Amino acid sequence: MKEVNIYTDGACRGNPGYGGYGVIIEYKGKEKILSEGFAETTNNRMELLAAIKGLSALNQPCKVTLYSDSKYLIDCITKGWVYGWRKNNWIKSDKKPALNVDLWTELLALLEKHDVSFVWVKGHAGNEYNERCDALATAAADQLKEVSEGEK
């Protein structure tokens, strides 16, 4: 299996509000950059979408180390919470419905295809790839906001 690093970040201007994601896929010293903006979204949705877009860009099953500053993404996977929610028809332990079920379903399907290890990195702490992904995500959100507000 190819070994790939994926760095991700999501951003939102308001929550909900204009959002974006940034992804850098690194393989053998080469990088592929992905970024897109969305209206009326949340930060957590953008964090999940970044991971989905990164994994979806891989053409074959890979061994992936996925880096994110999102405790929501990392903890839900590594602590197994999302698997419990799915088993309980997307109801959390507090009996409330899980959020972002559409994205979790898509992400879990990708995790069956790839061998993924999740690594949490502290955001805004000087990690080069995290800072670059943050810049991509915020630029995508800001650009969409500017275009949308310019149309009014």
C-alpha atoms as a PDB file:
ATOM      1  CA  MET A   1       0.000   0.000   0.000  1.00  0.00           C
ATOM      2  CA  LYS A   2       1.119   3.518  -0.743  1.00  0.00           C
ATOM      3  CA  GLU A   3       1.791   5.595   2.370  1.00  0.00           C
ATOM      4  CA  VAL A   4       0.210   9.036   2.203  1.00  0.00           C
ATOM      5  CA  ASN A   5      -0.024  11.979   4.610  1.00  0.00           C
ATOM      6  CA  ILE A   6      -3.188  14.067   4.557  1.00  0.00           C
ATOM      7  CA  TYR A   7      -3.366  17.382   6.394  1.00  0.00           C
ATOM      8  CA  THR A   8      -6.790  18.936   6.865  1.00  0.00           C
ATOM      9  CA  ASP A   9      -8.528  21.936   8.346  1.00  0.00           C
ATOM     10  CA  GLY A  10     -11.960  23.479   8.283  1.00  0.00           C
ATOM     11  CA  ALA A  11     -12.999  27.053   8.986  1.00  0.00           C
ATOM     12  CA  CYS A  12     -16.210  28.964   9.396  1.00  0.00           C
ATOM     13  CA  ARG A  13     -17.059  32.674   9.508  1.00  0.00           C
ATOM     14  CA  GLY A  14     -19.957  32.485  11.909  1.00  0.00           C
ATOM     15  CA  ASN A  15     -21.222  29.116  13.059  1.00  0.00           C
ATOM     16  CA  PRO A  16     -23.278  28.557  10.997  1.00  0.00           C
ATOM     17  CA  GLY A  17     -21.923  30.836   8.341  1.00  0.00           C
ATOM     18  CA  TYR A  18     -19.584  30.887   5.381  1.00  0.00           C
ATOM     19  CA  GLY A  19     -17.107  28.043   5.646  1.00  0.00           C
ATOM     20  CA  GLY A  20     -14.316  26.336   3.821  1.00  0.00           C
ATOM     21  CA  TYR A  21     -11.898  23.475   4.007  1.00  0.00           C
ATOM     22  CA  GLY A  22      -8.240  23.070   3.138  1.00  0.00           C
ATOM     23  CA  VAL A  23      -6.448  19.808   2.404  1.00  0.00           C
ATOM     24  CA  ILE A  24      -2.858  18.997   1.541  1.00  0.00           C
ATOM     25  CA  ILE A  25      -2.151  15.465   0.376  1.00  0.00           C
ATOM     26  CA  GLU A  26       1.544  14.609   0.551  1.00  0.00           C
ATOM     27  CA  TYR A  27       3.032  11.567  -1.180  1.00  0.00           C
ATOM     28  CA  LYS A  28       6.752  11.072  -1.800  1.00  0.00           C
ATOM     29  CA  GLY A  29       7.465  14.789  -1.473  1.00  0.00           C
ATOM     30  CA  LYS A  30       4.732  15.870  -3.899  1.00  0.00           C
ATOM     31  CA  GLU A  31       1.643  17.757  -2.792  1.00  0.00           C
ATOM     32  CA  LYS A  32      -1.924  18.009  -4.002  1.00  0.00           C
ATOM     33  CA  ILE A  33      -3.965  20.889  -2.616  1.00  0.00           C
ATOM     34  CA  LEU A  34      -7.753  20.920  -2.295  1.00  0.00           C
ATOM     35  CA  SER A  35      -9.958  23.747  -1.047  1.00  0.00           C
ATOM     36  CA  GLU A  36     -13.562  24.874  -1.422  1.00  0.00           C
ATOM     37  CA  GLY A  37     -15.996  27.257   0.232  1.00  0.00           C
ATOM     38  CA  PHE A  38     -19.611  26.738   1.326  1.00  0.00           C
ATOM     39  CA  ALA A  39     -22.429  28.976   2.533  1.00  0.00           C
ATOM     40  CA  GLU A  40     -24.499  28.242   5.639  1.00  0.00           C
ATOM     41  CA  THR A  41     -22.308  25.564   7.112  1.00  0.00           C
ATOM     42  CA  THR A  42     -20.561  24.882  10.407  1.00  0.00           C
ATOM     43  CA  ASN A  43     -16.963  24.478  11.448  1.00  0.00           C
ATOM     44  CA  ASN A  44     -17.491  20.807  12.338  1.00  0.00           C
ATOM     45  CA  ARG A  45     -18.990  20.100   8.912  1.00  0.00           C
ATOM     46  CA  MET A  46     -15.961  21.691   7.266  1.00  0.00           C
ATOM     47  CA  GLU A  47     -13.567  19.644   9.424  1.00  0.00           C
ATOM     48  CA  LEU A  48     -15.345  16.434   8.403  1.00  0.00           C
ATOM     49  CA  LEU A  49     -15.579  17.462   4.769  1.00  0.00           C
ATOM     50  CA  ALA A  50     -11.844  18.169   4.656  1.00  0.00           C
ATOM     51  CA  ALA A  51     -11.109  14.596   5.763  1.00  0.00           C
ATOM     52  CA  ILE A  52     -13.654  13.216   3.277  1.00  0.00           C
ATOM     53  CA  LYS A  53     -12.275  15.227   0.362  1.00  0.00           C
ATOM     54  CA  GLY A  54      -8.714  14.217   1.185  1.00  0.00           C
ATOM     55  CA  LEU A  55      -9.509  10.506   1.390  1.00  0.00           C
ATOM     56  CA  SER A  56     -11.801  10.653  -1.655  1.00  0.00           C
ATOM     57  CA  ALA A  57      -8.967  12.072  -3.759  1.00  0.00           C
ATOM     58  CA  LEU A  58      -6.949   8.866  -3.378  1.00  0.00           C
ATOM     59  CA  ASN A  59      -7.213   6.623  -6.450  1.00  0.00           C
ATOM     60  CA  GLN A  60      -6.553   3.364  -4.625  1.00  0.00           C
ATOM     61  CA  PRO A  61      -6.539   2.024  -1.069  1.00  0.00           C
ATOM     62  CA  CYS A  62      -3.697   3.629   0.873  1.00  0.00           C
ATOM     63  CA  LYS A  63      -2.103   3.654   4.300  1.00  0.00           C
ATOM     64  CA  VAL A  64      -2.937   7.182   5.429  1.00  0.00           C
ATOM     65  CA  THR A  65      -1.850   9.336   8.318  1.00  0.00           C
ATOM     66  CA  LEU A  66      -4.474  12.063   8.583  1.00  0.00           C
ATOM     67  CA  TYR A  67      -3.597  15.155  10.610  1.00  0.00           C
ATOM     68  CA  SER A  68      -6.274  17.497  11.947  1.00  0.00           C
ATOM     69  CA  ASP A  69      -6.675  20.094  14.676  1.00  0.00           C
ATOM     70  CA  SER A  70     -10.319  19.075  15.126  1.00  0.00           C
ATOM     71  CA  LYS A  71     -10.932  17.286  18.425  1.00  0.00           C
ATOM     72  CA  TYR A  72     -14.464  16.630  17.128  1.00  0.00           C
ATOM     73  CA  LEU A  73     -13.148  14.636  14.175  1.00  0.00           C
ATOM     74  CA  ILE A  74     -10.238  12.960  15.939  1.00  0.00           C
ATOM     75  CA  ASP A  75     -12.026  12.045  19.183  1.00  0.00           C
ATOM     76  CA  CYS A  76     -15.176  10.779  17.506  1.00  0.00           C
ATOM     77  CA  ILE A  77     -13.088   8.329  15.503  1.00  0.00           C
ATOM     78  CA  THR A  78     -10.272   7.378  17.872  1.00  0.00           C
ATOM     79  CA  LYS A  79     -12.513   7.096  20.927  1.00  0.00           C
ATOM     80  CA  GLY A  80     -15.073   5.124  18.923  1.00  0.00           C
ATOM     81  CA  TRP A  81     -18.004   7.432  19.607  1.00  0.00           C
ATOM     82  CA  VAL A  82     -19.128   7.572  15.969  1.00  0.00           C
ATOM     83  CA  TYR A  83     -19.268   3.778  15.764  1.00  0.00           C
ATOM     84  CA  GLY A  84     -21.556   3.714  18.796  1.00  0.00           C
ATOM     85  CA  TRP A  85     -23.774   6.393  17.294  1.00  0.00           C
ATOM     86  CA  ARG A  86     -24.080   4.409  14.071  1.00  0.00           C
ATOM     87  CA  LYS A  87     -24.857   1.210  15.992  1.00  0.00           C
ATOM     88  CA  ASN A  88     -27.586   3.076  17.913  1.00  0.00           C
ATOM     89  CA  ASN A  89     -29.214   4.536  14.776  1.00  0.00           C
ATOM     90  CA  TRP A  90     -27.267   7.791  15.125  1.00  0.00           C
ATOM     91  CA  ILE A  91     -28.372   8.473  18.690  1.00  0.00           C
ATOM     92  CA  LYS A  92     -25.634   9.592  21.097  1.00  0.00           C
ATOM     93  CA  SER A  93     -25.197   8.355  24.658  1.00  0.00           C
ATOM     94  CA  ASP A  94     -27.030  11.465  25.913  1.00  0.00           C
ATOM     95  CA  LYS A  95     -30.047  10.290  23.842  1.00  0.00           C
ATOM     96  CA  LYS A  96     -29.736  13.261  21.475  1.00  0.00           C
ATOM     97  CA  PRO A  97     -29.391  12.744  17.725  1.00  0.00           C
ATOM     98  CA  ALA A  98     -25.874  12.814  16.321  1.00  0.00           C
ATOM     99  CA  LEU A  99     -25.115  15.747  14.046  1.00  0.00           C
ATOM    100  CA  ASN A 100     -23.625  15.559  10.543  1.00  0.00           C
ATOM    101  CA  VAL A 101     -24.801  11.987   9.969  1.00  0.00           C
ATOM    102  CA  ASP A 102     -24.501  12.417   6.190  1.00  0.00           C
ATOM    103  CA  LEU A 103     -20.813  13.282   6.480  1.00  0.00           C
ATOM    104  CA  TRP A 104     -20.050  10.669   9.130  1.00  0.00           C
ATOM    105  CA  THR A 105     -21.626   8.005   6.909  1.00  0.00           C
ATOM    106  CA  GLU A 106     -19.459   9.079   3.988  1.00  0.00           C
ATOM    107  CA  LEU A 107     -16.314   9.220   6.116  1.00  0.00           C
ATOM    108  CA  LEU A 108     -16.902   5.796   7.668  1.00  0.00           C
ATOM    109  CA  ALA A 109     -17.251   4.269   4.191  1.00  0.00           C
ATOM    110  CA  LEU A 110     -13.873   5.762   3.238  1.00  0.00           C
ATOM    111  CA  LEU A 111     -12.303   4.376   6.411  1.00  0.00           C
ATOM    112  CA  GLU A 112     -13.287   0.905   5.233  1.00  0.00           C
ATOM    113  CA  LYS A 113     -11.356   1.496   1.994  1.00  0.00           C
ATOM    114  CA  HIS A 114      -8.180   2.982   3.471  1.00  0.00           C
ATOM    115  CA  ASP A 115      -5.990   2.139   6.473  1.00  0.00           C
ATOM    116  CA  VAL A 116      -6.180   5.479   8.285  1.00  0.00           C
ATOM    117  CA  SER A 117      -4.397   6.635  11.431  1.00  0.00           C
ATOM    118  CA  PHE A 118      -5.656   9.910  12.892  1.00  0.00           C
ATOM    119  CA  VAL A 119      -3.286  12.382  14.524  1.00  0.00           C
ATOM    120  CA  TRP A 120      -4.414  15.474  16.393  1.00  0.00           C
ATOM    121  CA  VAL A 121      -2.266  18.576  16.014  1.00  0.00           C
ATOM    122  CA  LYS A 122      -2.683  21.746  18.019  1.00  0.00           C
ATOM    123  CA  GLY A 123      -4.174  24.429  15.788  1.00  0.00           C
ATOM    124  CA  HIS A 124      -2.522  27.824  15.323  1.00  0.00           C
ATOM    125  CA  ALA A 125       0.636  26.552  16.992  1.00  0.00           C
ATOM    126  CA  GLY A 126       3.150  26.834  14.175  1.00  0.00           C
ATOM    127  CA  ASN A 127       2.632  23.435  12.506  1.00  0.00           C
ATOM    128  CA  GLU A 128       3.475  24.267   8.871  1.00  0.00           C
ATOM    129  CA  TYR A 129       0.895  22.029   7.232  1.00  0.00           C
ATOM    130  CA  ASN A 130      -1.848  22.937   9.695  1.00  0.00           C
ATOM    131  CA  GLU A 131      -1.176  26.629   9.144  1.00  0.00           C
ATOM    132  CA  ARG A 132      -1.285  26.170   5.373  1.00  0.00           C
ATOM    133  CA  CYS A 133      -4.550  24.206   5.552  1.00  0.00           C
ATOM    134  CA  ASP A 134      -6.026  26.870   7.826  1.00  0.00           C
ATOM    135  CA  ALA A 135      -5.061  29.548   5.302  1.00  0.00           C
ATOM    136  CA  LEU A 136      -6.691  27.548   2.490  1.00  0.00           C
ATOM    137  CA  ALA A 137      -9.878  26.986   4.501  1.00  0.00           C
ATOM    138  CA  THR A 138     -10.264  30.583   5.661  1.00  0.00           C
ATOM    139  CA  ALA A 139      -9.475  31.948   2.191  1.00  0.00           C
ATOM    140  CA  ALA A 140     -12.163  29.711   0.664  1.00  0.00           C
ATOM    141  CA  ALA A 141     -14.720  30.875   3.244  1.00  0.00           C
ATOM    142  CA  ASP A 142     -13.748  34.532   2.859  1.00  0.00           C
ATOM    143  CA  GLN A 143     -13.795  34.393  -0.948  1.00  0.00           C
ATOM    144  CA  LEU A 144     -17.274  32.872  -0.986  1.00  0.00           C
ATOM    145  CA  LYS A 145     -18.476  35.447   1.555  1.00  0.00           C
ATOM    146  CA  GLU A 146     -17.099  38.312  -0.539  1.00  0.00           C
ATOM    147  CA  VAL A 147     -18.695  36.970  -3.742  1.00  0.00           C
ATOM    148  CA  SER A 148     -22.045  36.379  -2.033  1.00  0.00           C
ATOM    149  CA  GLU A 149     -22.099  39.776  -0.339  1.00  0.00           C
ATOM    150  CA  GLY A 150     -21.051  41.450  -3.587  1.00  0.00           C
ATOM    151  CA  GLU A 151     -24.150  40.011  -5.275  1.00  0.00           C
ATOM    152  CA  LYS A 152     -26.490  41.739  -2.808  1.00  0.00           C
END
